[in-house]
């Protein structure tokens, strides 16, 4: 069986989007994310976060603050029994022309290369159209998050080979 991943945006998908989070104490997991991530893991998906964090390039947050927020998210996930297989962040701004900034697929392609994932067997869930576009550009079936209940139903269907390519 091909090695497959569930790629997840961070803000608005795994954690509550507070707009350029700087304070790790403000990090809260999004309702439904834990259950969905656990079930995805049970279905054989590795869990990879892929996230634009242009606040660094814009000078809104520091790399250290980004790292602190990431660590807090990892700790909250671990406390619920969820361990990520990786996390990839693009800290460039929208006008930097970088290939890793979504909607470009660089973060996803890098993760797939490093972990030897089959992108055609992998999925992406994110809360923005740019997330979906990045997943599609990388060759993943992609779903724009409304609720985790909807997204999890889509993940289940995709894991059984049912349903359209994108949500």
N, C-alpha and C. Protein backbone atom coordinates (compact mmCIF):
# COMPACT_ATOMS: atom_id res chain seq x y z
N UNK A 1 0.84 -1.19 0.00
CA UNK A 1 0.00 0.00 0.00
C UNK A 1 0.88 1.25 0.00
N UNK A 2 0.50 2.24 -0.77
CA UNK A 2 1.27 3.47 -0.88
C UNK A 2 1.24 4.22 0.44
N UNK A 3 2.34 4.86 0.77
CA UNK A 3 2.40 5.69 1.96
C UNK A 3 1.65 6.98 1.66
N UNK A 4 0.69 7.32 2.51
CA UNK A 4 -0.16 8.48 2.24
C UNK A 4 -0.24 9.39 3.45
N UNK A 5 -0.53 10.66 3.16
CA UNK A 5 -0.59 11.67 4.21
C UNK A 5 -1.91 12.41 4.15
N UNK A 6 -2.29 12.92 5.30
CA UNK A 6 -3.33 13.93 5.39
C UNK A 6 -2.60 15.22 5.71
N UNK A 7 -2.55 16.11 4.70
CA UNK A 7 -1.94 17.42 4.87
C UNK A 7 -3.00 18.34 5.46
N UNK A 8 -2.60 19.10 6.48
CA UNK A 8 -3.52 19.97 7.20
C UNK A 8 -2.97 21.38 7.29
N UNK A 9 -3.79 22.35 6.93
CA UNK A 9 -3.44 23.73 7.23
C UNK A 9 -3.44 23.87 8.75
N UNK A 10 -2.80 24.89 9.28
CA UNK A 10 -2.76 25.06 10.74
C UNK A 10 -3.89 25.97 11.24
N UNK A 11 -3.81 27.26 10.93
CA UNK A 11 -4.75 28.25 11.47
C UNK A 11 -6.10 28.12 10.78
N UNK A 12 -7.13 27.86 11.57
CA UNK A 12 -8.47 27.68 11.01
C UNK A 12 -8.78 26.26 10.63
N UNK A 13 -7.80 25.36 10.79
CA UNK A 13 -8.01 23.94 10.48
C UNK A 13 -7.66 23.08 11.68
N UNK A 14 -6.45 23.24 12.21
CA UNK A 14 -6.04 22.50 13.41
C UNK A 14 -6.26 23.36 14.65
N UNK A 15 -5.87 24.63 14.57
CA UNK A 15 -6.08 25.53 15.71
C UNK A 15 -7.01 26.67 15.30
N UNK A 16 -7.59 27.30 16.29
CA UNK A 16 -8.46 28.45 16.05
C UNK A 16 -7.62 29.57 15.44
N UNK A 17 -8.13 30.16 14.36
CA UNK A 17 -7.42 31.24 13.67
C UNK A 17 -7.64 32.55 14.41
N UNK A 18 -6.58 33.02 15.07
CA UNK A 18 -6.66 34.28 15.81
C UNK A 18 -5.97 35.41 15.07
N UNK A 19 -5.48 35.14 13.86
CA UNK A 19 -4.79 36.15 13.08
C UNK A 19 -3.38 36.39 13.60
N UNK A 20 -2.41 35.79 12.97
CA UNK A 20 -1.00 35.93 13.33
C UNK A 20 -0.76 35.62 14.82
N UNK A 21 -1.05 34.40 15.24
CA UNK A 21 -0.87 34.07 16.67
C UNK A 21 0.59 34.23 17.09
N UNK A 22 0.78 34.94 18.20
CA UNK A 22 2.12 35.18 18.75
C UNK A 22 2.30 34.56 20.13
N UNK A 23 1.21 34.51 20.87
CA UNK A 23 1.26 34.06 22.25
C UNK A 23 0.83 32.59 22.33
N UNK A 24 1.73 31.71 22.73
CA UNK A 24 1.36 30.29 22.79
C UNK A 24 0.20 30.01 23.74
N UNK A 25 0.00 30.88 24.72
CA UNK A 25 -1.11 30.67 25.66
C UNK A 25 -2.47 30.85 24.99
N UNK A 26 -2.50 31.50 23.83
CA UNK A 26 -3.77 31.72 23.14
C UNK A 26 -4.14 30.59 22.18
N UNK A 27 -3.27 29.61 22.02
CA UNK A 27 -3.50 28.52 21.08
C UNK A 27 -4.59 27.59 21.61
N UNK A 28 -5.61 27.39 20.77
CA UNK A 28 -6.70 26.47 21.09
C UNK A 28 -6.93 25.56 19.90
N UNK A 29 -7.12 24.28 20.17
CA UNK A 29 -7.41 23.34 19.09
C UNK A 29 -8.83 23.58 18.59
N UNK A 30 -9.01 23.45 17.30
CA UNK A 30 -10.32 23.63 16.67
C UNK A 30 -11.22 22.44 17.01
N UNK A 31 -12.47 22.72 17.30
CA UNK A 31 -13.43 21.65 17.61
C UNK A 31 -13.45 20.62 16.49
N UNK A 32 -13.33 19.37 16.87
CA UNK A 32 -13.39 18.27 15.93
C UNK A 32 -12.06 17.85 15.34
N UNK A 33 -11.05 18.69 15.48
CA UNK A 33 -9.75 18.38 14.86
C UNK A 33 -9.12 17.12 15.45
N UNK A 34 -9.17 16.98 16.77
CA UNK A 34 -8.54 15.82 17.42
C UNK A 34 -9.17 14.52 16.93
N UNK A 35 -10.48 14.44 17.00
CA UNK A 35 -11.17 13.21 16.57
C UNK A 35 -10.87 12.89 15.12
N UNK A 36 -10.87 13.92 14.29
CA UNK A 36 -10.59 13.71 12.86
C UNK A 36 -9.16 13.23 12.64
N UNK A 37 -8.22 13.84 13.33
CA UNK A 37 -6.83 13.45 13.16
C UNK A 37 -6.59 12.02 13.66
N UNK A 38 -7.22 11.66 14.76
CA UNK A 38 -7.09 10.29 15.27
C UNK A 38 -7.66 9.29 14.28
N UNK A 39 -8.83 9.59 13.74
CA UNK A 39 -9.42 8.66 12.79
C UNK A 39 -8.60 8.58 11.50
N UNK A 40 -8.10 9.72 11.03
CA UNK A 40 -7.25 9.70 9.84
C UNK A 40 -6.03 8.83 10.07
N UNK A 41 -5.44 8.94 11.25
CA UNK A 41 -4.29 8.10 11.59
C UNK A 41 -4.71 6.62 11.55
N UNK A 42 -5.88 6.30 12.13
CA UNK A 42 -6.38 4.92 12.12
C UNK A 42 -6.62 4.42 10.70
N UNK A 43 -6.96 5.33 9.79
CA UNK A 43 -7.18 4.96 8.39
C UNK A 43 -5.88 4.84 7.60
N UNK A 44 -4.76 5.09 8.26
CA UNK A 44 -3.46 4.91 7.62
C UNK A 44 -2.80 6.15 7.08
N UNK A 45 -3.28 7.32 7.46
CA UNK A 45 -2.69 8.57 6.98
C UNK A 45 -1.67 9.10 7.98
N UNK A 46 -0.53 9.52 7.48
CA UNK A 46 0.41 10.31 8.28
C UNK A 46 -0.19 11.71 8.40
N UNK A 47 0.14 12.43 9.45
CA UNK A 47 -0.41 13.76 9.69
C UNK A 47 0.68 14.81 9.53
N UNK A 48 0.47 15.70 8.54
CA UNK A 48 1.46 16.72 8.21
C UNK A 48 0.79 18.09 8.17
N UNK A 49 1.31 19.04 8.94
CA UNK A 49 0.82 20.41 8.88
C UNK A 49 1.61 21.17 7.82
N UNK A 50 0.90 21.91 6.97
CA UNK A 50 1.50 22.77 5.96
C UNK A 50 0.82 24.14 6.08
N UNK A 51 1.60 25.18 6.37
CA UNK A 51 0.97 26.45 6.72
C UNK A 51 1.78 27.65 6.26
N UNK A 52 1.08 28.61 5.64
CA UNK A 52 1.67 29.91 5.35
C UNK A 52 1.73 30.70 6.66
N UNK A 53 2.86 31.31 6.93
CA UNK A 53 3.02 32.15 8.12
C UNK A 53 3.74 33.44 7.73
N UNK A 54 3.05 34.22 6.89
CA UNK A 54 3.65 35.45 6.36
C UNK A 54 3.84 36.51 7.44
N UNK A 55 3.27 36.31 8.62
CA UNK A 55 3.49 37.26 9.71
C UNK A 55 4.96 37.45 10.02
N UNK A 56 5.77 36.43 9.77
CA UNK A 56 7.21 36.54 9.98
C UNK A 56 7.80 37.53 8.98
N UNK A 57 7.52 37.36 7.70
CA UNK A 57 8.04 38.27 6.67
C UNK A 57 7.52 39.69 6.86
N UNK A 58 6.32 39.80 7.36
CA UNK A 58 5.71 41.13 7.56
C UNK A 58 6.19 41.80 8.84
N UNK A 59 6.95 41.08 9.68
CA UNK A 59 7.43 41.64 10.92
C UNK A 59 6.39 41.68 12.03
N UNK A 60 5.30 40.95 11.84
CA UNK A 60 4.22 40.92 12.83
C UNK A 60 4.54 39.93 13.95
N UNK A 61 5.18 38.82 13.57
CA UNK A 61 5.61 37.83 14.56
C UNK A 61 7.07 37.49 14.29
N UNK A 62 7.74 37.05 15.32
CA UNK A 62 9.15 36.65 15.18
C UNK A 62 9.23 35.15 14.90
N UNK A 63 10.34 34.70 14.36
CA UNK A 63 10.51 33.25 14.20
C UNK A 63 10.39 32.52 15.53
N UNK A 64 10.83 33.14 16.61
CA UNK A 64 10.73 32.52 17.93
C UNK A 64 9.27 32.38 18.37
N UNK A 65 8.46 33.40 18.08
CA UNK A 65 7.04 33.32 18.40
C UNK A 65 6.36 32.23 17.57
N UNK A 66 6.72 32.13 16.30
CA UNK A 66 6.19 31.07 15.44
C UNK A 66 6.54 29.71 16.05
N UNK A 67 7.77 29.55 16.48
CA UNK A 67 8.21 28.28 17.08
C UNK A 67 7.47 28.00 18.38
N UNK A 68 7.23 29.02 19.18
CA UNK A 68 6.51 28.84 20.46
C UNK A 68 5.06 28.43 20.22
N UNK A 69 4.42 29.05 19.24
CA UNK A 69 3.03 28.69 18.92
C UNK A 69 2.99 27.25 18.39
N UNK A 70 3.95 26.91 17.54
CA UNK A 70 4.02 25.54 17.02
C UNK A 70 4.20 24.54 18.18
N UNK A 71 5.12 24.83 19.08
CA UNK A 71 5.36 23.93 20.21
C UNK A 71 4.12 23.75 21.07
N UNK A 72 3.40 24.84 21.29
CA UNK A 72 2.17 24.75 22.09
C UNK A 72 1.14 23.87 21.38
N UNK A 73 0.99 24.04 20.07
CA UNK A 73 0.07 23.20 19.31
C UNK A 73 0.47 21.73 19.44
N UNK A 74 1.74 21.45 19.27
CA UNK A 74 2.24 20.07 19.38
C UNK A 74 1.95 19.51 20.77
N UNK A 75 2.16 20.31 21.80
CA UNK A 75 1.89 19.87 23.17
C UNK A 75 0.40 19.57 23.38
N UNK A 76 -0.46 20.46 22.89
CA UNK A 76 -1.90 20.25 23.03
C UNK A 76 -2.35 18.99 22.29
N UNK A 77 -1.81 18.78 21.09
CA UNK A 77 -2.13 17.57 20.33
C UNK A 77 -1.65 16.33 21.08
N UNK A 78 -0.43 16.37 21.57
CA UNK A 78 0.14 15.22 22.28
C UNK A 78 -0.67 14.87 23.52
N UNK A 79 -1.16 15.90 24.21
CA UNK A 79 -1.98 15.67 25.41
C UNK A 79 -3.26 14.92 25.08
N UNK A 80 -3.69 15.01 23.82
CA UNK A 80 -4.89 14.32 23.35
C UNK A 80 -4.56 13.02 22.60
N UNK A 81 -3.27 12.66 22.57
CA UNK A 81 -2.86 11.42 21.92
C UNK A 81 -2.61 11.52 20.43
N UNK A 82 -2.38 12.73 19.93
CA UNK A 82 -2.11 12.93 18.50
C UNK A 82 -0.68 13.43 18.32
N UNK A 83 0.07 12.74 17.48
CA UNK A 83 1.44 13.14 17.17
C UNK A 83 1.53 13.43 15.67
N UNK A 84 2.07 14.59 15.35
CA UNK A 84 2.28 14.94 13.95
C UNK A 84 3.49 14.20 13.40
N UNK A 85 3.44 13.90 12.11
CA UNK A 85 4.59 13.30 11.43
C UNK A 85 5.51 14.37 10.86
N UNK A 86 5.01 15.60 10.81
CA UNK A 86 5.82 16.70 10.32
C UNK A 86 5.02 17.99 10.26
N UNK A 87 5.74 19.09 10.16
CA UNK A 87 5.12 20.40 10.00
C UNK A 87 6.04 21.25 9.13
N UNK A 88 5.45 21.90 8.15
CA UNK A 88 6.18 22.69 7.18
C UNK A 88 5.54 24.07 7.12
N UNK A 89 6.37 25.10 7.31
CA UNK A 89 5.88 26.48 7.33
C UNK A 89 6.58 27.31 6.27
N UNK A 90 5.79 28.13 5.58
CA UNK A 90 6.35 29.14 4.68
C UNK A 90 6.25 30.47 5.39
N UNK A 91 7.38 31.12 5.61
CA UNK A 91 7.40 32.40 6.32
C UNK A 91 7.56 33.58 5.37
N UNK A 92 7.41 33.32 4.07
CA UNK A 92 7.53 34.39 3.09
C UNK A 92 6.23 35.20 2.98
N UNK A 93 6.36 36.39 2.46
CA UNK A 93 5.19 37.24 2.23
C UNK A 93 4.54 36.92 0.90
N UNK A 94 3.34 37.44 0.68
CA UNK A 94 2.60 37.14 -0.55
C UNK A 94 3.29 37.61 -1.83
N UNK A 95 4.13 38.62 -1.73
CA UNK A 95 4.78 39.17 -2.93
C UNK A 95 6.21 38.66 -3.12
N UNK A 96 6.62 37.69 -2.31
CA UNK A 96 7.99 37.19 -2.38
C UNK A 96 8.22 36.19 -3.51
N UNK A 97 7.15 35.69 -4.11
CA UNK A 97 7.29 34.78 -5.24
C UNK A 97 7.84 33.41 -4.89
N UNK A 98 7.72 33.01 -3.65
CA UNK A 98 8.30 31.74 -3.22
C UNK A 98 7.42 30.56 -3.65
N UNK A 99 8.05 29.43 -3.94
CA UNK A 99 7.31 28.25 -4.41
C UNK A 99 6.66 27.45 -3.28
N UNK A 100 7.02 27.78 -2.03
CA UNK A 100 6.42 27.03 -0.92
C UNK A 100 5.16 27.70 -0.40
N UNK A 101 4.91 28.95 -0.75
CA UNK A 101 3.74 29.66 -0.24
C UNK A 101 2.49 29.20 -0.99
N UNK A 102 1.52 28.69 -0.22
CA UNK A 102 0.26 28.28 -0.84
C UNK A 102 -0.40 29.51 -1.45
N UNK A 103 -0.93 29.42 -2.64
CA UNK A 103 -1.45 28.23 -3.31
C UNK A 103 -0.43 27.41 -4.11
N UNK A 104 0.83 27.78 -4.08
CA UNK A 104 1.83 26.93 -4.73
C UNK A 104 2.05 25.69 -3.88
N UNK A 105 2.49 24.60 -4.48
CA UNK A 105 2.54 23.31 -3.77
C UNK A 105 3.85 22.97 -3.07
N UNK A 106 4.78 23.90 -2.98
CA UNK A 106 6.12 23.58 -2.49
C UNK A 106 6.19 22.89 -1.14
N UNK A 107 5.40 23.34 -0.16
CA UNK A 107 5.44 22.71 1.16
C UNK A 107 5.03 21.25 1.07
N UNK A 108 3.99 20.99 0.31
CA UNK A 108 3.44 19.64 0.18
C UNK A 108 4.43 18.75 -0.56
N UNK A 109 4.99 19.26 -1.64
CA UNK A 109 5.96 18.50 -2.44
C UNK A 109 7.20 18.19 -1.59
N UNK A 110 7.67 19.17 -0.83
CA UNK A 110 8.84 18.93 0.04
C UNK A 110 8.55 17.83 1.06
N UNK A 111 7.39 17.92 1.70
CA UNK A 111 7.02 16.90 2.70
C UNK A 111 6.92 15.52 2.06
N UNK A 112 6.31 15.46 0.87
CA UNK A 112 6.16 14.18 0.18
C UNK A 112 7.52 13.58 -0.17
N UNK A 113 8.42 14.42 -0.62
CA UNK A 113 9.76 13.93 -0.98
C UNK A 113 10.48 13.43 0.27
N UNK A 114 10.44 14.20 1.35
CA UNK A 114 11.15 13.82 2.57
C UNK A 114 10.58 12.56 3.23
N UNK A 115 9.27 12.38 3.15
CA UNK A 115 8.63 11.24 3.81
C UNK A 115 8.22 10.12 2.85
N UNK A 116 8.48 10.33 1.58
CA UNK A 116 8.14 9.35 0.53
C UNK A 116 6.64 9.04 0.49
N UNK A 117 5.82 10.11 0.49
CA UNK A 117 4.38 9.96 0.35
C UNK A 117 3.98 9.89 -1.10
N UNK A 118 2.96 9.12 -1.38
CA UNK A 118 2.34 9.09 -2.69
C UNK A 118 1.30 10.21 -2.70
N UNK A 119 1.56 11.27 -3.44
CA UNK A 119 0.66 12.42 -3.44
C UNK A 119 -0.71 12.07 -3.99
N UNK A 120 -0.78 11.17 -4.97
CA UNK A 120 -2.08 10.79 -5.53
C UNK A 120 -2.94 10.03 -4.52
N UNK A 121 -2.31 9.44 -3.51
CA UNK A 121 -3.04 8.72 -2.46
C UNK A 121 -3.25 9.58 -1.22
N UNK A 122 -2.73 10.79 -1.24
CA UNK A 122 -2.78 11.68 -0.08
C UNK A 122 -3.93 12.68 -0.20
N UNK A 123 -4.25 13.29 0.93
CA UNK A 123 -5.36 14.24 1.01
C UNK A 123 -4.89 15.54 1.66
N UNK A 124 -5.63 16.61 1.38
CA UNK A 124 -5.37 17.88 2.05
C UNK A 124 -6.67 18.46 2.54
N UNK A 125 -6.66 18.97 3.77
CA UNK A 125 -7.80 19.70 4.31
C UNK A 125 -7.29 21.05 4.80
N UNK A 126 -7.95 22.10 4.32
CA UNK A 126 -7.61 23.45 4.76
C UNK A 126 -8.85 24.32 4.72
N UNK A 127 -8.76 25.48 5.35
CA UNK A 127 -9.94 26.34 5.44
C UNK A 127 -10.02 27.41 4.36
N UNK A 128 -9.02 27.51 3.51
CA UNK A 128 -9.00 28.56 2.49
C UNK A 128 -8.85 27.96 1.09
N UNK A 129 -9.30 28.72 0.12
CA UNK A 129 -9.18 28.29 -1.28
C UNK A 129 -7.71 28.08 -1.66
N UNK A 130 -6.80 28.86 -1.08
CA UNK A 130 -5.37 28.70 -1.39
C UNK A 130 -4.84 27.36 -0.89
N UNK A 131 -5.41 26.84 0.19
CA UNK A 131 -5.02 25.52 0.68
C UNK A 131 -5.42 24.45 -0.34
N UNK A 132 -6.67 24.53 -0.77
CA UNK A 132 -7.20 23.57 -1.75
C UNK A 132 -6.40 23.65 -3.04
N UNK A 133 -6.11 24.86 -3.50
CA UNK A 133 -5.33 25.03 -4.73
C UNK A 133 -3.95 24.41 -4.61
N UNK A 134 -3.32 24.55 -3.45
CA UNK A 134 -2.00 23.96 -3.24
C UNK A 134 -2.08 22.44 -3.29
N UNK A 135 -3.09 21.88 -2.62
CA UNK A 135 -3.27 20.43 -2.66
C UNK A 135 -3.49 19.92 -4.07
N UNK A 136 -4.34 20.61 -4.80
CA UNK A 136 -4.61 20.21 -6.18
C UNK A 136 -3.35 20.31 -7.03
N UNK A 137 -2.59 21.39 -6.86
CA UNK A 137 -1.35 21.57 -7.63
C UNK A 137 -0.34 20.47 -7.33
N UNK A 138 -0.38 19.97 -6.10
CA UNK A 138 0.54 18.89 -5.71
C UNK A 138 0.04 17.51 -6.14
N UNK A 139 -1.22 17.43 -6.54
CA UNK A 139 -1.78 16.15 -6.98
C UNK A 139 -2.59 15.43 -5.92
N UNK A 140 -2.95 16.13 -4.83
CA UNK A 140 -3.75 15.55 -3.75
C UNK A 140 -5.22 15.86 -3.93
N UNK A 141 -6.07 14.96 -3.52
CA UNK A 141 -7.47 15.30 -3.37
C UNK A 141 -7.55 16.29 -2.22
N UNK A 142 -8.37 17.33 -2.37
CA UNK A 142 -8.37 18.43 -1.41
C UNK A 142 -9.78 18.83 -1.02
N UNK A 143 -9.92 19.29 0.23
CA UNK A 143 -11.23 19.63 0.79
C UNK A 143 -11.13 20.94 1.55
N UNK A 144 -12.06 21.85 1.26
CA UNK A 144 -12.10 23.11 2.01
C UNK A 144 -13.00 22.92 3.22
N UNK A 145 -12.41 23.11 4.39
CA UNK A 145 -13.07 22.85 5.66
C UNK A 145 -14.24 23.79 5.88
N UNK A 146 -15.40 23.17 6.16
CA UNK A 146 -16.54 23.89 6.70
C UNK A 146 -16.60 23.51 8.16
N UNK A 147 -16.87 22.22 8.38
CA UNK A 147 -16.78 21.65 9.73
C UNK A 147 -15.94 20.38 9.65
N UNK A 148 -15.42 19.98 10.79
CA UNK A 148 -14.65 18.74 10.81
C UNK A 148 -15.55 17.52 10.61
N UNK A 149 -16.81 17.62 10.94
CA UNK A 149 -17.73 16.50 10.68
C UNK A 149 -17.81 16.24 9.17
N UNK A 150 -17.96 17.31 8.40
CA UNK A 150 -18.00 17.18 6.94
C UNK A 150 -16.67 16.69 6.38
N UNK A 151 -15.60 17.27 6.87
CA UNK A 151 -14.28 16.88 6.38
C UNK A 151 -13.97 15.42 6.69
N UNK A 152 -14.33 14.99 7.88
CA UNK A 152 -14.05 13.60 8.26
C UNK A 152 -14.85 12.63 7.40
N UNK A 153 -16.09 12.97 7.09
CA UNK A 153 -16.89 12.13 6.19
C UNK A 153 -16.20 12.03 4.84
N UNK A 154 -15.64 13.14 4.37
CA UNK A 154 -14.93 13.15 3.09
C UNK A 154 -13.67 12.29 3.17
N UNK A 155 -12.91 12.41 4.26
CA UNK A 155 -11.70 11.61 4.44
C UNK A 155 -12.05 10.12 4.44
N UNK A 156 -13.11 9.77 5.17
CA UNK A 156 -13.54 8.36 5.19
C UNK A 156 -13.87 7.87 3.79
N UNK A 157 -14.65 8.65 3.05
CA UNK A 157 -15.04 8.26 1.69
C UNK A 157 -13.82 8.13 0.79
N UNK A 158 -12.90 9.08 0.88
CA UNK A 158 -11.69 9.04 0.05
C UNK A 158 -10.84 7.82 0.41
N UNK A 159 -10.80 7.46 1.68
CA UNK A 159 -9.96 6.32 2.09
C UNK A 159 -10.52 5.01 1.54
N UNK A 160 -11.81 5.01 1.22
CA UNK A 160 -12.44 3.83 0.61
C UNK A 160 -12.52 3.95 -0.91
N UNK A 161 -11.98 5.05 -1.45
CA UNK A 161 -11.98 5.24 -2.90
C UNK A 161 -13.32 5.70 -3.44
N UNK A 162 -14.13 6.33 -2.58
CA UNK A 162 -15.46 6.80 -2.98
C UNK A 162 -15.44 8.31 -3.10
N UNK A 163 -16.17 8.83 -4.04
CA UNK A 163 -16.35 10.27 -4.10
C UNK A 163 -15.43 10.93 -5.09
N UNK A 164 -15.74 12.19 -5.32
CA UNK A 164 -14.96 12.98 -6.27
C UNK A 164 -13.59 13.32 -5.72
N UNK A 165 -12.78 13.85 -6.59
CA UNK A 165 -11.41 14.19 -6.23
C UNK A 165 -11.35 15.25 -5.15
N UNK A 166 -12.17 16.27 -5.27
CA UNK A 166 -12.10 17.39 -4.33
C UNK A 166 -13.45 17.66 -3.71
N UNK A 167 -13.42 18.21 -2.50
CA UNK A 167 -14.62 18.49 -1.74
C UNK A 167 -15.21 19.75 -2.15
